[in-house]
């Protein structure tokens, strides 16, 4: 778990993003460290987690979590973590084994039924709510993948709206979504989906590459925006960062030790 990130988000044992909807995006920089951080952070706060992996296998997340001193296997065994193999569900849908195309507005061109997908996630959240003492967290990595298999932006916005209602209103939990654009170029569809979802969420995290180009000492910029439901004014934090194998270092723009 990256301790500096907790400071940036002003989270602690007493304040662990209860009821928040967080959307993460990246463009020309790797923002996946945020997903790994949130997964380990919530588990260490004893929050039950439903994790939907659409980008990587369970083994990938487990390996990274071990570097952050978080044991996903133990969390799964205890029932605190439920990992939904989104990649397998997508593969089954394309091959015609499950989540088959039906006659409703939630069905994508690639025969992947978002309605059945939602019901699968919904039942998992309800079990976590019933069997665990704390409110659940839903993490989805990476929603953009559903765009690539033919789901439309309106379908995905509707899908997220249903999830948001279930997670934050009915389960009084937290929702974290990742939208990853192409590391080299700008993905217009992901960008448009991001703009739609940013109006629904309470916190946005934008990871971008440096305008000056690649640097071995500064890997990108992080912009965090809080959209409070109680006040019209937003709060913004902007910082640069450098990733290492087990940590991430943050510093003000132009204040990297390599620059100084």
Protein backbone atom coordinates (compact mmCIF):
# COMPACT_ATOMS: atom_id res chain seq x y z
CA UNK A 1 0.00 0.00 0.00
CA UNK A 2 1.38 3.40 -0.98
CA UNK A 3 1.34 5.55 2.16
CA UNK A 4 1.85 8.81 0.24
CA UNK A 5 -1.36 8.12 -1.68
CA UNK A 6 -3.31 7.91 1.57
CA UNK A 7 -2.04 11.38 2.41
CA UNK A 8 -3.07 12.72 -1.01
CA UNK A 9 -6.57 11.28 -0.66
CA UNK A 10 -6.77 12.27 3.02
CA UNK A 11 -7.82 8.72 3.95
CA UNK A 12 -7.20 6.92 7.22
CA UNK A 13 -8.65 4.17 9.41
CA UNK A 14 -11.45 6.58 10.30
CA UNK A 15 -11.99 7.90 6.76
CA UNK A 16 -11.77 5.22 4.08
CA UNK A 17 -13.86 6.67 1.23
CA UNK A 18 -17.17 5.42 2.59
CA UNK A 19 -19.93 6.06 0.06
CA UNK A 20 -17.55 7.53 -2.53
CA UNK A 21 -17.54 6.85 -6.28
CA UNK A 22 -13.99 7.07 -7.65
CA UNK A 23 -13.16 7.03 -11.37
CA UNK A 24 -9.56 6.52 -12.50
CA UNK A 25 -8.30 7.31 -15.99
CA UNK A 26 -4.92 7.29 -17.63
CA UNK A 27 -3.58 8.71 -20.86
CA UNK A 28 -0.02 8.12 -22.08
CA UNK A 29 1.00 6.97 -18.59
CA UNK A 30 0.35 3.89 -16.44
CA UNK A 31 -2.34 4.51 -13.82
CA UNK A 32 -2.78 0.91 -12.70
CA UNK A 33 -0.89 1.58 -9.45
CA UNK A 34 -4.03 3.35 -8.18
CA UNK A 35 -6.15 0.21 -8.58
CA UNK A 36 -3.57 -1.90 -6.76
CA UNK A 37 -3.41 0.69 -4.00
CA UNK A 38 -7.18 0.85 -3.50
CA UNK A 39 -7.49 -2.94 -3.48
CA UNK A 40 -4.86 -3.37 -0.77
CA UNK A 41 -6.06 -0.32 1.17
CA UNK A 42 -9.68 -1.46 1.44
CA UNK A 43 -8.70 -5.02 2.37
CA UNK A 44 -6.40 -3.73 5.11
CA UNK A 45 -9.30 -1.65 6.44
CA UNK A 46 -11.30 -4.92 6.68
CA UNK A 47 -13.73 -3.76 4.00
CA UNK A 48 -15.21 -6.64 1.95
CA UNK A 49 -14.28 -6.26 -1.72
CA UNK A 50 -15.84 -7.46 -4.96
CA UNK A 51 -13.12 -7.09 -7.60
CA UNK A 52 -14.00 -7.43 -11.29
CA UNK A 53 -10.87 -8.09 -13.34
CA UNK A 54 -11.35 -7.19 -16.99
CA UNK A 55 -7.72 -6.35 -17.74
CA UNK A 56 -5.57 -8.92 -15.96
CA UNK A 57 -5.74 -12.36 -14.38
CA UNK A 58 -6.14 -12.96 -10.67
CA UNK A 59 -2.50 -14.07 -10.44
CA UNK A 60 -1.36 -10.67 -11.69
CA UNK A 61 -3.26 -8.79 -8.97
CA UNK A 62 -2.15 -11.30 -6.35
CA UNK A 63 1.52 -10.88 -7.29
CA UNK A 64 1.35 -7.08 -7.10
CA UNK A 65 -0.60 -7.24 -3.82
CA UNK A 66 2.14 -9.37 -2.25
CA UNK A 67 4.61 -6.57 -2.95
CA UNK A 68 2.26 -4.27 -1.02
CA UNK A 69 2.13 -6.74 1.91
CA UNK A 70 -1.42 -7.82 1.10
CA UNK A 71 -2.40 -11.49 0.77
CA UNK A 72 -5.27 -11.87 -1.70
CA UNK A 73 -5.43 -15.64 -1.27
CA UNK A 74 -6.07 -15.25 2.46
CA UNK A 75 -8.73 -12.61 1.76
CA UNK A 76 -10.45 -14.93 -0.73
CA UNK A 77 -10.36 -17.86 1.67
CA UNK A 78 -11.91 -15.80 4.47
CA UNK A 79 -14.65 -14.51 2.17
CA UNK A 80 -13.50 -10.90 2.43
CA UNK A 81 -12.54 -10.80 -1.27
CA UNK A 82 -14.58 -12.09 -4.19
CA UNK A 83 -12.70 -11.96 -7.49
CA UNK A 84 -14.87 -12.08 -10.61
CA UNK A 85 -12.89 -13.35 -13.60
CA UNK A 86 -14.19 -10.79 -16.07
CA UNK A 87 -11.80 -11.95 -18.77
CA UNK A 88 -13.20 -15.48 -18.56
CA UNK A 89 -16.78 -14.20 -18.72
CA UNK A 90 -15.91 -12.16 -21.80
CA UNK A 91 -14.25 -15.15 -23.42
CA UNK A 92 -17.25 -17.37 -22.69
CA UNK A 93 -19.61 -14.75 -24.11
CA UNK A 94 -17.68 -14.45 -27.36
CA UNK A 95 -17.48 -18.26 -27.70
CA UNK A 96 -21.19 -18.58 -26.91
CA UNK A 97 -20.89 -20.42 -23.59
CA UNK A 98 -22.48 -17.90 -21.22
CA UNK A 99 -24.02 -14.45 -20.92
CA UNK A 100 -25.57 -15.03 -24.32
CA UNK A 101 -27.18 -12.28 -26.31
CA UNK A 102 -30.76 -11.55 -25.38
CA UNK A 103 -33.42 -9.06 -26.40
CA UNK A 104 -32.73 -6.06 -24.18
CA UNK A 105 -30.93 -2.70 -24.27
CA UNK A 106 -28.07 -4.03 -22.13
CA UNK A 107 -26.76 -6.42 -24.80
CA UNK A 108 -23.53 -5.49 -26.58
CA UNK A 109 -22.71 -6.23 -30.20
CA UNK A 110 -20.32 -8.99 -29.15
CA UNK A 111 -23.16 -10.94 -27.46
CA UNK A 112 -22.07 -9.90 -23.97
CA UNK A 113 -25.12 -9.28 -21.80
CA UNK A 114 -24.51 -6.40 -19.40
CA UNK A 115 -27.76 -7.12 -17.59
CA UNK A 116 -26.65 -10.63 -16.61
CA UNK A 117 -23.23 -9.23 -15.77
CA UNK A 118 -24.87 -6.66 -13.49
CA UNK A 119 -26.98 -9.35 -11.79
CA UNK A 120 -23.85 -11.42 -11.17
CA UNK A 121 -22.12 -8.45 -9.50
CA UNK A 122 -25.30 -7.50 -7.62
CA UNK A 123 -25.68 -10.95 -6.06
CA UNK A 124 -22.01 -10.91 -5.02
CA UNK A 125 -22.40 -7.53 -3.32
CA UNK A 126 -25.52 -8.70 -1.49
CA UNK A 127 -23.68 -11.75 -0.14
CA UNK A 128 -20.77 -9.59 1.00
CA UNK A 129 -23.18 -7.19 2.69
CA UNK A 130 -24.90 -10.10 4.43
CA UNK A 131 -21.82 -12.03 5.52
CA UNK A 132 -19.38 -9.23 6.42
CA UNK A 133 -19.58 -6.62 9.17
CA UNK A 134 -18.44 -3.64 7.08
CA UNK A 135 -19.95 -2.15 3.92
CA UNK A 136 -18.68 -3.57 0.62
CA UNK A 137 -16.44 -2.08 -2.04
CA UNK A 138 -16.80 -2.75 -5.77
CA UNK A 139 -13.67 -2.30 -7.91
CA UNK A 140 -13.77 -2.73 -11.70
CA UNK A 141 -10.56 -2.81 -13.73
CA UNK A 142 -10.89 -1.89 -16.60
CA UNK A 143 -14.31 -0.71 -17.84
CA UNK A 144 -12.86 0.48 -21.16
CA UNK A 145 -12.44 -3.15 -22.18
CA UNK A 146 -16.22 -3.42 -22.55
CA UNK A 147 -16.03 -0.66 -25.15
CA UNK A 148 -13.59 -2.74 -27.15
CA UNK A 149 -15.96 -5.72 -27.38
CA UNK A 150 -18.85 -3.63 -28.70
CA UNK A 151 -20.69 -2.14 -25.73
CA UNK A 152 -21.83 1.41 -26.44
CA UNK A 153 -21.19 4.43 -24.25
CA UNK A 154 -24.92 4.86 -23.38
CA UNK A 155 -25.08 1.18 -22.36
CA UNK A 156 -22.04 1.52 -20.11
CA UNK A 157 -23.28 4.74 -18.53
CA UNK A 158 -26.58 2.97 -17.77
CA UNK A 159 -24.65 -0.03 -16.41
CA UNK A 160 -22.59 2.20 -14.09
CA UNK A 161 -25.71 4.05 -12.94
CA UNK A 162 -27.25 0.75 -11.85
CA UNK A 163 -24.02 -0.24 -10.09
CA UNK A 164 -23.79 3.13 -8.37
CA UNK A 165 -27.34 2.84 -7.09
CA UNK A 166 -26.68 -0.66 -5.78
CA UNK A 167 -23.27 0.02 -4.21
CA UNK A 168 -23.63 3.44 -2.63
CA UNK A 169 -27.37 3.69 -1.95
CA UNK A 170 -28.51 0.16 -1.15
CA UNK A 171 -25.24 -1.29 0.22
CA UNK A 172 -23.80 2.03 1.53
CA UNK A 173 -20.48 0.98 0.07
CA UNK A 174 -17.82 2.42 -2.25
CA UNK A 175 -17.30 2.13 -6.01
CA UNK A 176 -13.96 2.39 -7.84
CA UNK A 177 -13.77 2.21 -11.64
CA UNK A 178 -10.75 2.32 -13.93
CA UNK A 179 -10.85 3.55 -17.53
CA UNK A 180 -7.56 3.04 -19.31
CA UNK A 181 -6.84 4.71 -22.63
CA UNK A 182 -4.11 3.68 -25.03
CA UNK A 183 -0.63 4.27 -23.60
CA UNK A 184 0.56 5.75 -26.90
CA UNK A 185 -2.39 7.57 -28.43
CA UNK A 186 -5.64 9.14 -27.27
CA UNK A 187 -8.66 6.81 -27.19
CA UNK A 188 -11.65 8.98 -28.13
CA UNK A 189 -14.30 6.49 -26.95
CA UNK A 190 -12.67 5.99 -23.55
CA UNK A 191 -12.28 9.75 -23.25
CA UNK A 192 -15.98 10.28 -24.01
CA UNK A 193 -16.99 7.59 -21.51
CA UNK A 194 -14.73 9.26 -18.94
CA UNK A 195 -16.45 12.61 -19.48
CA UNK A 196 -19.87 11.01 -18.98
CA UNK A 197 -18.87 9.19 -15.80
CA UNK A 198 -17.02 12.16 -14.32
CA UNK A 199 -20.40 13.86 -13.88
CA UNK A 200 -21.61 10.94 -11.74
CA UNK A 201 -18.62 10.39 -9.47
CA UNK A 202 -17.40 12.17 -6.36
CA UNK A 203 -13.65 11.76 -7.03
CA UNK A 204 -11.75 11.66 -10.31
CA UNK A 205 -8.13 10.57 -10.64
CA UNK A 206 -6.46 11.45 -13.94
CA UNK A 207 -3.02 9.98 -14.65
CA UNK A 208 -1.30 11.55 -17.65
CA UNK A 209 2.11 11.55 -19.25
CA UNK A 210 4.36 14.58 -19.10
CA UNK A 211 3.79 17.26 -21.71
CA UNK A 212 7.55 17.38 -22.20
CA UNK A 213 7.65 13.68 -23.05
CA UNK A 214 9.29 10.64 -21.48
CA UNK A 215 11.51 11.00 -18.43
CA UNK A 216 13.19 8.22 -16.46
CA UNK A 217 12.93 10.31 -13.28
CA UNK A 218 9.29 11.47 -13.59
CA UNK A 219 6.77 8.95 -14.88
CA UNK A 220 3.68 11.13 -15.05
CA UNK A 221 1.22 13.50 -13.41
CA UNK A 222 -1.74 12.77 -11.14
CA UNK A 223 -4.70 15.13 -10.92
CA UNK A 224 -7.24 14.39 -8.16
CA UNK A 225 -10.55 16.25 -8.19
CA UNK A 226 -13.18 16.08 -5.43
CA UNK A 227 -16.73 16.88 -6.47
CA UNK A 228 -18.59 17.36 -3.21
CA UNK A 229 -22.33 16.78 -3.14
CA UNK A 230 -22.73 19.45 -0.46
CA UNK A 231 -20.75 22.34 -1.95
CA UNK A 232 -20.54 23.64 -5.48
CA UNK A 233 -16.81 24.30 -5.35
CA UNK A 234 -14.45 21.48 -6.29
CA UNK A 235 -11.12 20.68 -4.66
CA UNK A 236 -8.11 19.82 -6.80
CA UNK A 237 -4.67 18.37 -6.11
CA UNK A 238 -2.02 18.01 -8.80
CA UNK A 239 1.30 16.24 -8.38
CA UNK A 240 3.96 14.43 -10.36
CA UNK A 241 5.11 10.91 -9.53
CA UNK A 242 7.77 8.28 -10.03
CA UNK A 243 7.01 4.57 -9.80
CA UNK A 244 9.29 1.92 -8.35
CA UNK A 245 8.74 -1.80 -7.81
CA UNK A 246 7.12 -1.44 -4.38
CA UNK A 247 6.44 2.26 -4.01
CA UNK A 248 5.44 5.49 -5.70
CA UNK A 249 7.01 8.86 -4.91
CA UNK A 250 5.09 12.12 -5.31
CA UNK A 251 6.43 15.64 -5.66
CA UNK A 252 5.30 19.05 -6.88
CA UNK A 253 5.78 19.84 -10.57
CA UNK A 254 9.43 20.50 -11.32
CA UNK A 255 10.52 19.48 -7.81
CA UNK A 256 11.90 16.02 -8.60
CA UNK A 257 15.31 15.46 -7.01
CA UNK A 258 16.66 14.65 -10.46
CA UNK A 259 15.60 18.10 -11.67
CA UNK A 260 16.90 19.91 -8.60
